[in-house]
Amino acid sequence: MWPLCLVFLLINPRFVHNQIFWYQPEQVHLAYGDTVDEIVVTWSTFNDTTESVVEYGIGGFILTAKGSSKLFVDGGDAKHSQYIHTVRLGNLTYNSRYVYHCGSSQGWSDEFWFQTPPEANWQPHLAIFGDMGNENAQSLARLQQEAQRGIYDAILHVGDFAYDMDSENAEVGDAFMRQIQSVAAYLPYMTCAGNHEEKYNFSNYKERFSMPGGSGSYMYSINIGPMHVISISTEVYYFLNYGIKPLIFQYEWLENDLAKANLPENREKQPWIVVMGHRPMYCSNSNTDDCTHHETLTRVGLPFLHFFGLEKLLYDYGVDLEIWAHEHSYERLWPIYDYQVYNGSYEEPYVNPGAPVHVVTGSAGCKEGREDFNATRPTWSALISRDYGYTRLKAYNASHLYLEQVSDDKQGAVIDSFWIIKDKHEPYKFARMDWAKVDSLRLKNLEV
């Protein structure tokens, strides 16, 4: 007969997890450091291991790097706590496959690997999506397979995680981080905050992810091949109960970052400027959410005063691509500014477009289900889909950027694809379109 204490442990997995295996690393995930030459390894333990170590190398655990841990206490009633460890791996060899594991003398993770970029002529391939939860995470299995096959160089998760990371005293957040480990332990998992991260002043988001901006930061930028990728928080416009200072600080930081990115020597190296944030400026969904309003806060700024609007700022600094989520659907827009379409030409709208290109990709899968679209489509909407799925982006060179949408409902079929082609990258000039011709071109792009 088994001892009663053992029976108790077997029927109480939470007790086993929290009382016996506190020292075992879990929720392992990667991010870029300040540059793509640096990888940050992050993981959790449920007790203080007194050390945070990564053993790694090309072909074996030849090298050792040490970092630190920080106690994170969730804001819920249970004050669920864990130690979040971070270790930076620098001076990495280009174009090499590293194996690694993380932990301490009290317990090690499984072995994982990551690939460093080539030193020159890198054509980065990214998977992009938002709004993925623990329940109904339909795209996750396909992403897990593709990540471990080495298809991608990095992930962009455009807000809304787990639904929600703070739920059930943050145990839903723990479960989500374990689920994405099979993607994020192999690829830099780059993020931005969404509205579902708001609880306790976004603490579960800020503490669990180690982005280049540093602990507690909502925004950062990083150069990935020929792209300058900027991540911002749209939520600073909507949760003013946490103060207006984060909004002002982000706007000033963003303008400075864009100005620096547009210096001739910088734009020559990274000609493509890509911005990602959670809530879109435009969408044609049938709900009553943010982007269905004409004057979206992120687009025009604070109500009445219209301070700190982002659309003109991104336009003035020649941003090429704007990636959003929040709507549980996929939508590609014609090049747009202030509700006017500025296609490069009628036949080739994305060749030398006269305004930024917007893509909304929030259909990875979550318990809230899919979005519906308005029966009457706006003229600026090029293509829509309700399928669960995600977006792929590949930057081929200074002039060609390729995007495609993968439908998980259709077993991985590509349901949309297009090239953005530019002879030069600079602030836009107005080129008003003939709306009748735009309408005729739109009709060629039916809902898939």
Protein backbone atom coordinates (compact mmCIF):
# COMPACT_ATOMS: atom_id res chain seq x y z
CA MET A 1 0.00 0.00 0.00
CA TRP A 2 1.38 3.43 -0.92
CA PRO A 3 2.10 5.87 1.90
CA LEU A 4 -0.63 8.45 2.33
CA CYS A 5 1.85 11.29 1.72
CA LEU A 6 2.71 9.86 -1.72
CA VAL A 7 -0.95 9.50 -2.61
CA PHE A 8 -1.49 13.12 -1.62
CA LEU A 9 1.34 14.24 -3.91
CA LEU A 10 -0.02 12.27 -6.86
CA ILE A 11 -3.51 13.69 -6.60
CA ASN A 12 -2.25 17.25 -6.03
CA PRO A 13 -0.06 18.12 -9.03
CA ARG A 14 -0.01 21.77 -7.98
CA PHE A 15 1.55 20.73 -4.66
CA VAL A 16 4.12 18.65 -6.52
CA HIS A 17 4.89 21.55 -8.84
CA ASN A 18 5.15 24.21 -6.15
CA GLN A 19 6.69 22.23 -3.31
CA ILE A 20 8.94 19.56 -4.82
CA PHE A 21 10.18 20.83 -8.20
CA TRP A 22 10.70 24.50 -7.43
CA TYR A 23 14.26 24.49 -8.72
CA GLN A 24 13.62 23.03 -12.17
CA PRO A 25 13.85 25.55 -15.06
CA GLU A 26 10.74 25.97 -17.17
CA GLN A 27 9.12 28.51 -19.53
CA VAL A 28 12.40 28.87 -21.45
CA HIS A 29 12.37 31.53 -24.16
CA LEU A 30 14.79 33.61 -26.21
CA ALA A 31 14.95 37.22 -27.34
CA TYR A 32 17.44 39.38 -29.14
CA GLY A 33 19.59 41.58 -26.96
CA ASP A 34 20.45 45.11 -28.02
CA THR A 35 21.54 43.65 -31.37
CA VAL A 36 20.93 40.38 -33.21
CA ASP A 37 24.48 39.39 -32.26
CA GLU A 38 23.29 38.91 -28.68
CA ILE A 39 20.76 36.37 -27.40
CA VAL A 40 18.97 36.70 -24.07
CA VAL A 41 17.81 33.44 -22.45
CA THR A 42 14.93 33.78 -19.97
CA TRP A 43 13.32 31.11 -17.78
CA SER A 44 11.47 30.63 -14.50
CA THR A 45 11.94 28.60 -11.33
CA PHE A 46 9.63 28.56 -8.33
CA ASN A 47 12.33 28.92 -5.75
CA ASP A 48 15.58 30.82 -5.61
CA THR A 49 18.37 28.74 -7.14
CA THR A 50 20.96 31.42 -6.13
CA GLU A 51 22.50 31.22 -9.62
CA SER A 52 21.38 31.63 -13.22
CA VAL A 53 23.57 29.79 -15.71
CA VAL A 54 23.50 28.95 -19.42
CA GLU A 55 25.88 26.34 -20.78
CA TYR A 56 26.15 26.62 -24.55
CA GLY A 57 28.35 26.26 -27.58
CA ILE A 58 28.70 25.14 -31.18
CA GLY A 59 28.42 21.38 -30.99
CA GLY A 60 28.40 21.11 -27.21
CA PHE A 61 28.21 22.88 -23.86
CA ILE A 62 31.68 24.38 -24.15
CA LEU A 63 30.92 27.89 -22.86
CA THR A 64 29.26 29.18 -19.70
CA ALA A 65 27.44 32.46 -19.14
CA LYS A 66 25.96 33.70 -15.88
CA GLY A 67 23.15 36.14 -15.27
CA SER A 68 20.71 37.03 -12.56
CA SER A 69 17.19 36.38 -11.33
CA LYS A 70 14.40 38.58 -10.06
CA LEU A 71 11.50 37.65 -7.83
CA PHE A 72 8.19 38.32 -9.60
CA VAL A 73 5.04 38.38 -7.46
CA ASP A 74 1.75 38.46 -9.35
CA GLY A 75 -0.81 41.03 -8.21
CA GLY A 76 -3.57 38.48 -7.61
CA ASP A 77 -4.92 37.43 -4.23
CA ALA A 78 -2.62 34.39 -4.04
CA LYS A 79 0.53 36.51 -4.65
CA HIS A 80 1.81 33.74 -6.89
CA SER A 81 5.59 34.13 -7.07
CA GLN A 82 8.45 32.88 -9.18
CA TYR A 83 12.05 33.72 -9.96
CA ILE A 84 12.61 34.91 -13.51
CA HIS A 85 16.17 34.35 -14.70
CA THR A 86 17.93 36.16 -17.54
CA VAL A 87 21.34 35.44 -19.07
CA ARG A 88 22.89 37.30 -22.02
CA LEU A 89 24.97 35.45 -24.57
CA GLY A 90 27.32 37.76 -26.45
CA ASN A 91 30.22 37.50 -28.90
CA LEU A 92 28.36 34.82 -30.83
CA THR A 93 29.82 33.45 -34.05
CA TYR A 94 27.88 34.36 -37.19
CA ASN A 95 25.95 31.76 -39.14
CA SER A 96 26.31 29.07 -36.49
CA ARG A 97 24.03 26.66 -34.68
CA TYR A 98 24.41 26.81 -30.91
CA VAL A 99 23.10 24.23 -28.46
CA TYR A 100 22.31 25.32 -24.92
CA HIS A 101 20.58 24.49 -21.71
CA CYS A 102 19.87 26.69 -18.73
CA GLY A 103 19.53 26.30 -14.99
CA SER A 104 21.81 25.78 -12.02
CA SER A 105 23.47 23.09 -9.98
CA GLN A 106 19.99 22.32 -8.64
CA GLY A 107 18.43 21.53 -12.02
CA TRP A 108 18.85 21.95 -15.78
CA SER A 109 16.42 22.43 -18.64
CA ASP A 110 16.24 20.24 -21.71
CA GLU A 111 18.75 20.91 -24.48
CA PHE A 112 17.66 23.49 -27.05
CA TRP A 113 19.34 25.22 -29.98
CA PHE A 114 19.33 28.49 -31.89
CA GLN A 115 20.85 29.73 -35.15
CA THR A 116 22.84 32.96 -35.45
CA PRO A 117 22.45 35.12 -38.59
CA PRO A 118 25.06 35.40 -41.34
CA GLU A 119 27.45 38.32 -41.14
CA ALA A 120 26.29 39.82 -44.46
CA ASN A 121 23.45 39.53 -46.98
CA TRP A 122 21.01 38.20 -44.39
CA GLN A 123 17.47 37.61 -45.65
CA PRO A 124 15.55 37.27 -42.37
CA HIS A 125 12.35 35.23 -42.37
CA LEU A 126 9.84 36.05 -39.62
CA ALA A 127 6.56 34.56 -38.41
CA ILE A 128 4.13 37.25 -37.25
CA PHE A 129 0.84 37.00 -35.35
CA GLY A 130 -1.11 38.37 -32.42
CA ASP A 131 -3.90 37.27 -30.12
CA MET A 132 -2.87 33.73 -29.24
CA GLY A 133 -4.25 32.17 -26.08
CA ASN A 134 -3.95 28.91 -24.21
CA GLU A 135 -7.38 27.77 -25.37
CA ASN A 136 -8.03 27.42 -29.10
CA ALA A 137 -4.41 28.28 -29.98
CA GLN A 138 -5.04 26.78 -33.39
CA SER A 139 -1.91 28.07 -35.11
CA LEU A 140 0.48 26.95 -32.37
CA ALA A 141 1.04 23.35 -33.50
CA ARG A 142 2.01 24.44 -37.02
CA LEU A 143 4.28 27.15 -35.63
CA GLN A 144 5.93 24.62 -33.32
CA GLN A 145 6.70 22.35 -36.25
CA GLU A 146 8.03 25.13 -38.44
CA ALA A 147 10.12 26.68 -35.68
CA GLN A 148 11.91 23.43 -34.92
CA ARG A 149 12.46 22.78 -38.63
CA GLY A 150 14.42 26.01 -38.79
CA ILE A 151 12.11 27.84 -41.21
CA TYR A 152 12.16 31.14 -39.30
CA ASP A 153 14.79 33.44 -37.86
CA ALA A 154 12.51 35.11 -35.28
CA ILE A 155 8.91 35.54 -34.13
CA LEU A 156 6.94 38.77 -33.77
CA HIS A 157 4.03 38.29 -31.36
CA VAL A 158 1.95 41.45 -31.71
CA GLY A 159 0.24 41.53 -28.32
CA ASP A 160 -2.40 39.55 -26.38
CA PHE A 161 -1.01 36.44 -24.73
CA ALA A 162 -2.66 33.50 -22.95
CA TYR A 163 -6.06 35.21 -22.31
CA ASP A 164 -4.85 36.22 -19.81
CA MET A 165 -1.44 35.85 -18.22
CA ASP A 166 -2.75 37.15 -14.88
CA SER A 167 -5.75 34.78 -14.83
CA GLU A 168 -6.05 32.21 -12.04
CA ASN A 169 -3.36 34.00 -10.07
CA ALA A 170 -1.01 33.99 -13.09
CA GLU A 171 -1.09 30.21 -13.49
CA VAL A 172 -2.62 30.75 -16.95
CA GLY A 173 0.46 32.82 -17.74
CA ASP A 174 2.71 30.00 -16.58
CA ALA A 175 0.81 27.52 -18.75
CA PHE A 176 1.09 29.81 -21.79
CA MET A 177 4.84 30.27 -21.36
CA ARG A 178 5.23 26.49 -21.15
CA GLN A 179 3.18 26.06 -24.33
CA ILE A 180 5.25 28.49 -26.39
CA GLN A 181 8.56 27.07 -25.13
CA SER A 182 8.62 24.70 -28.11
CA VAL A 183 8.77 27.81 -30.32
CA ALA A 184 10.39 30.44 -28.14
CA ALA A 185 13.26 28.29 -26.86
CA TYR A 186 14.51 27.98 -30.46
CA LEU A 187 13.77 31.44 -31.88
CA PRO A 188 13.97 35.00 -30.56
CA TYR A 189 10.37 35.64 -29.50
CA MET A 190 9.90 39.38 -29.90
CA THR A 191 6.77 40.93 -28.42
CA CYS A 192 4.68 44.01 -27.75
CA ALA A 193 1.98 44.58 -25.15
CA GLY A 194 -1.73 44.19 -25.89
CA ASN A 195 -4.88 45.12 -24.01
CA HIS A 196 -5.12 41.66 -22.44
CA GLU A 197 -1.85 42.34 -20.58
CA GLU A 198 -3.23 45.39 -18.73
CA LYS A 199 -3.87 43.87 -15.30
CA TYR A 200 -1.61 45.09 -12.49
CA ASN A 201 -0.03 47.70 -14.77
CA PHE A 202 1.08 45.13 -17.35
CA SER A 203 3.31 43.43 -14.78
CA ASN A 204 2.98 39.90 -16.17
CA TYR A 205 4.05 41.15 -19.59
CA LYS A 206 6.88 43.40 -18.42
CA GLU A 207 8.41 40.83 -16.07
CA ARG A 208 8.06 37.67 -18.15
CA PHE A 209 9.58 38.96 -21.40
CA SER A 210 13.12 40.30 -21.78
CA MET A 211 12.99 42.75 -24.66
CA PRO A 212 15.79 45.07 -25.81
CA GLY A 213 14.17 48.07 -24.12
CA GLY A 214 15.00 46.67 -20.70
CA SER A 215 12.86 45.63 -17.76
CA GLY A 216 9.64 47.60 -17.51
CA SER A 217 9.90 49.13 -20.98
CA TYR A 218 7.00 49.13 -23.43
CA MET A 219 9.01 50.01 -26.54
CA TYR A 220 12.23 49.10 -28.27
CA SER A 221 13.81 48.90 -31.70
CA ILE A 222 16.25 46.47 -33.24
CA ASN A 223 17.91 46.04 -36.62
CA ILE A 224 17.08 42.68 -38.23
CA GLY A 225 18.90 42.35 -41.55
CA PRO A 226 17.73 45.19 -43.84
CA MET A 227 14.86 46.05 -41.46
CA HIS A 228 14.68 48.48 -38.57
CA VAL A 229 11.92 46.93 -36.46
CA ILE A 230 10.17 49.10 -33.86
CA SER A 231 7.83 47.74 -31.20
CA ILE A 232 5.47 50.13 -29.40
CA SER A 233 2.58 49.89 -26.97
CA THR A 234 -0.74 51.14 -28.29
CA GLU A 235 -2.13 50.58 -24.80
CA VAL A 236 -0.61 53.77 -23.39
CA TYR A 237 -3.41 55.57 -25.29
CA TYR A 238 -6.17 53.52 -23.66
CA PHE A 239 -5.15 52.87 -20.06
CA LEU A 240 -4.55 56.42 -18.90
CA ASN A 241 -5.42 55.32 -15.37
CA TYR A 242 -1.72 54.40 -15.18
CA GLY A 243 -0.82 57.98 -16.07
CA ILE A 244 -0.06 59.96 -19.21
CA LYS A 245 3.70 59.91 -18.74
CA PRO A 246 4.21 56.53 -20.50
CA LEU A 247 2.36 57.89 -23.56
CA ILE A 248 4.42 61.09 -23.72
CA PHE A 249 7.68 59.27 -23.10
CA GLN A 250 6.94 56.68 -25.79
CA TYR A 251 6.00 59.35 -28.35
CA GLU A 252 9.19 61.29 -27.73
CA TRP A 253 11.26 58.12 -27.80
CA LEU A 254 9.60 56.99 -31.03
CA GLU A 255 10.22 60.30 -32.79
CA ASN A 256 13.87 60.22 -31.76
CA ASP A 257 14.24 56.62 -32.88
CA LEU A 258 12.63 57.36 -36.26
CA ALA A 259 14.83 60.40 -36.77
CA LYS A 260 17.91 58.32 -36.05
CA ALA A 261 16.71 55.51 -38.34
CA ASN A 262 16.34 58.07 -41.15
CA LEU A 263 19.91 59.30 -40.98
CA PRO A 264 21.36 58.52 -44.43
CA GLU A 265 24.02 56.17 -43.08
CA ASN A 266 21.41 54.24 -41.05
CA ARG A 267 18.70 54.07 -43.71
CA GLU A 268 21.28 52.78 -46.18
CA LYS A 269 21.99 49.82 -43.88
CA GLN A 270 18.36 49.26 -42.77
CA PRO A 271 16.20 50.79 -45.53
CA TRP A 272 12.99 49.11 -44.36
CA ILE A 273 11.32 50.63 -41.30
CA VAL A 274 8.73 48.29 -39.79
CA VAL A 275 6.53 49.27 -36.82
CA MET A 276 4.44 46.84 -34.80
CA GLY A 277 1.80 47.65 -32.20
CA HIS A 278 -1.28 45.84 -30.98
CA ARG A 279 -4.35 47.97 -31.85
CA PRO A 280 -4.68 48.90 -35.53
CA MET A 281 -5.44 52.35 -36.88
CA TYR A 282 -7.78 50.91 -39.51
CA CYS A 283 -9.94 47.79 -39.79
CA SER A 284 -13.24 46.82 -41.41
CA ASN A 285 -14.50 44.41 -38.76
CA SER A 286 -18.13 44.65 -37.71
CA ASN A 287 -17.49 45.05 -33.99
CA THR A 288 -17.58 48.40 -32.19
CA ASP A 289 -13.95 48.26 -31.16
CA ASP A 290 -11.23 50.86 -31.60
CA CYS A 291 -10.36 50.78 -35.28
CA THR A 292 -14.00 50.88 -36.39
CA HIS A 293 -14.05 54.47 -35.11
CA HIS A 294 -12.96 57.13 -37.59
CA GLU A 295 -10.66 58.88 -35.14
CA THR A 296 -8.68 56.03 -33.62
CA LEU A 297 -6.67 57.22 -30.62
CA THR A 298 -3.42 55.79 -31.91
CA ARG A 299 -4.02 57.37 -35.30
CA VAL A 300 -5.03 60.92 -34.36
CA GLY A 301 -3.97 61.15 -30.71
CA LEU A 302 -5.81 62.02 -27.52
CA PRO A 303 -9.49 63.00 -27.83
CA PHE A 304 -10.30 66.63 -28.73
CA LEU A 305 -6.73 67.85 -28.47
CA HIS A 306 -5.33 65.28 -30.93
CA PHE A 307 -1.92 65.34 -29.28
CA PHE A 308 0.55 62.48 -29.86
CA GLY A 309 -1.15 60.92 -32.87
CA LEU A 310 0.99 58.27 -34.54
CA GLU A 311 -0.23 58.21 -38.14
CA LYS A 312 1.32 61.51 -39.21
CA LEU A 313 4.52 60.73 -37.29
CA LEU A 314 4.98 57.38 -39.03
CA TYR A 315 4.08 58.90 -42.39
CA ASP A 316 6.45 61.84 -42.00
CA TYR A 317 9.37 59.53 -41.25
CA GLY A 318 8.67 57.21 -44.16
CA VAL A 319 7.69 54.03 -42.29
CA ASP A 320 7.27 51.26 -44.86
CA LEU A 321 5.17 48.65 -43.06
CA GLU A 322 2.86 48.82 -40.04
CA ILE A 323 1.86 45.53 -38.40
CA TRP A 324 -1.11 45.32 -36.05
CA ALA A 325 -3.32 42.66 -34.41
CA HIS A 326 -6.19 42.94 -31.85
CA GLU A 327 -8.83 42.01 -34.43
CA HIS A 328 -9.14 38.23 -34.64
CA SER A 329 -8.84 38.19 -38.40
CA TYR A 330 -6.44 39.04 -41.21
CA GLU A 331 -6.69 42.21 -43.27
CA ARG A 332 -4.37 43.74 -45.84
CA LEU A 333 -4.82 47.39 -46.69
CA TRP A 334 -3.88 49.44 -49.71
CA PRO A 335 -1.17 52.00 -48.93
CA ILE A 336 -3.06 54.54 -46.84
CA TYR A 337 -2.77 57.88 -45.07
CA ASP A 338 -5.65 59.78 -43.46
CA TYR A 339 -8.22 57.50 -45.11
CA GLN A 340 -6.83 58.21 -48.57
CA VAL A 341 -5.30 55.49 -50.73
CA TYR A 342 -1.87 56.16 -52.23
CA ASN A 343 -1.10 53.13 -54.35
CA GLY A 344 2.12 53.19 -56.31
CA SER A 345 0.09 52.63 -59.46
CA TYR A 346 -3.25 51.06 -60.38
CA GLU A 347 -1.59 47.93 -61.72
CA GLU A 348 1.12 47.62 -59.03
CA PRO A 349 -0.19 49.23 -55.84
CA TYR A 350 2.69 48.12 -53.64
CA VAL A 351 5.47 49.19 -56.01
CA ASN A 352 6.75 52.53 -54.71
CA PRO A 353 3.60 53.17 -52.68
CA GLY A 354 2.82 56.70 -51.57
CA ALA A 355 2.02 55.81 -47.96
CA PRO A 356 2.69 53.06 -45.40
CA VAL A 357 1.27 49.57 -45.89
CA HIS A 358 -0.87 48.24 -43.01
CA VAL A 359 -1.39 44.56 -42.17
CA VAL A 360 -3.68 43.34 -39.36
CA THR A 361 -2.78 39.80 -38.25
CA GLY A 362 -4.55 38.84 -35.03
CA SER A 363 -5.91 35.43 -36.00
CA ALA A 364 -3.49 32.99 -34.34
CA GLY A 365 -6.32 31.60 -32.23
CA CYS A 366 -7.85 32.29 -28.83
CA LYS A 367 -10.95 31.48 -26.80
CA GLU A 368 -12.74 34.65 -27.95
CA GLY A 369 -13.17 33.25 -31.47
CA ARG A 370 -13.19 34.96 -34.85
CA GLU A 371 -14.24 38.43 -36.00
CA ASP A 372 -16.91 39.21 -38.59
CA PHE A 373 -16.53 41.87 -41.26
CA ASN A 374 -18.86 44.64 -42.37
CA ALA A 375 -21.06 43.82 -45.34
CA THR A 376 -19.99 47.07 -46.99
CA ARG A 377 -16.26 47.09 -47.50
CA PRO A 378 -14.28 50.33 -47.33
CA THR A 379 -12.30 51.25 -50.41
CA TRP A 380 -8.99 51.14 -48.53
CA SER A 381 -9.35 47.45 -47.59
CA ALA A 382 -7.61 45.18 -50.09
CA LEU A 383 -8.25 41.69 -48.69
CA ILE A 384 -9.82 40.09 -45.62
CA SER A 385 -9.94 36.59 -44.11
CA ARG A 386 -11.56 35.08 -41.02
CA ASP A 387 -9.33 31.99 -41.15
CA TYR A 388 -7.12 31.19 -38.20
CA GLY A 389 -3.51 31.64 -39.21
CA TYR A 390 -0.42 33.84 -39.19
CA THR A 391 1.76 35.95 -41.42
CA ARG A 392 5.20 35.28 -42.85
CA LEU A 393 7.58 38.06 -43.80
CA LYS A 394 10.87 37.75 -45.67
CA ALA A 395 13.18 40.68 -46.31
CA TYR A 396 15.06 39.81 -49.47
CA ASN A 397 17.07 42.99 -49.89
CA ALA A 398 16.87 46.78 -49.81
CA SER A 399 14.14 46.90 -52.46
CA HIS A 400 11.99 43.77 -51.99
CA LEU A 401 9.89 42.75 -48.98
CA TYR A 402 7.60 39.71 -49.26
CA LEU A 403 4.58 38.88 -47.08
CA GLU A 404 2.14 35.98 -47.14
CA GLN A 405 -0.73 34.81 -45.00
CA VAL A 406 -0.95 31.18 -43.89
CA SER A 407 -4.36 29.66 -43.17
CA ASP A 408 -4.34 26.98 -40.51
CA ASP A 409 -7.98 26.27 -41.38
CA LYS A 410 -6.77 25.29 -44.84
CA GLN A 411 -3.91 23.08 -43.55
CA GLY A 412 -1.18 25.64 -44.03
CA ALA A 413 -2.21 26.96 -47.45
CA VAL A 414 -1.02 30.42 -48.40
CA ILE A 415 -4.20 32.47 -48.92
CA ASP A 416 -2.62 35.85 -49.62
CA SER A 417 0.79 37.05 -50.76
CA PHE A 418 2.25 40.31 -52.00
CA TRP A 419 5.54 42.14 -52.50
CA ILE A 420 6.35 45.64 -51.32
CA ILE A 421 8.92 46.98 -53.78
CA LYS A 422 10.71 50.29 -53.38
CA ASP A 423 13.37 51.98 -55.46
CA LYS A 424 14.18 54.28 -52.54
CA HIS A 425 13.14 54.78 -48.94
CA GLU A 426 12.26 58.30 -47.79
CA PRO A 427 9.38 60.39 -46.44
CA TYR A 428 6.28 60.12 -48.59
CA LYS A 429 4.88 62.60 -51.07
CA PHE A 430 1.16 62.90 -51.65
CA ALA A 431 -0.22 61.17 -54.72
CA ARG A 432 -4.01 61.33 -54.57
CA MET A 433 -5.72 58.33 -56.11
CA ASP A 434 -8.74 58.17 -58.38
CA TRP A 435 -11.31 56.49 -56.10
CA ALA A 436 -13.27 54.89 -58.95
CA LYS A 437 -10.15 53.11 -60.16
CA VAL A 438 -9.27 52.11 -56.59
CA ASP A 439 -12.74 50.57 -56.25
CA SER A 440 -12.33 48.55 -59.45
CA LEU A 441 -8.95 47.29 -58.29
CA ARG A 442 -10.34 46.36 -54.87
CA LEU A 443 -13.03 44.17 -56.41
CA LYS A 444 -10.33 41.92 -57.83
CA ASN A 445 -9.31 41.03 -54.27
CA LEU A 446 -12.18 39.01 -52.83
CA GLU A 447 -12.46 37.70 -49.30
CA VAL A 448 -10.70 34.33 -49.01
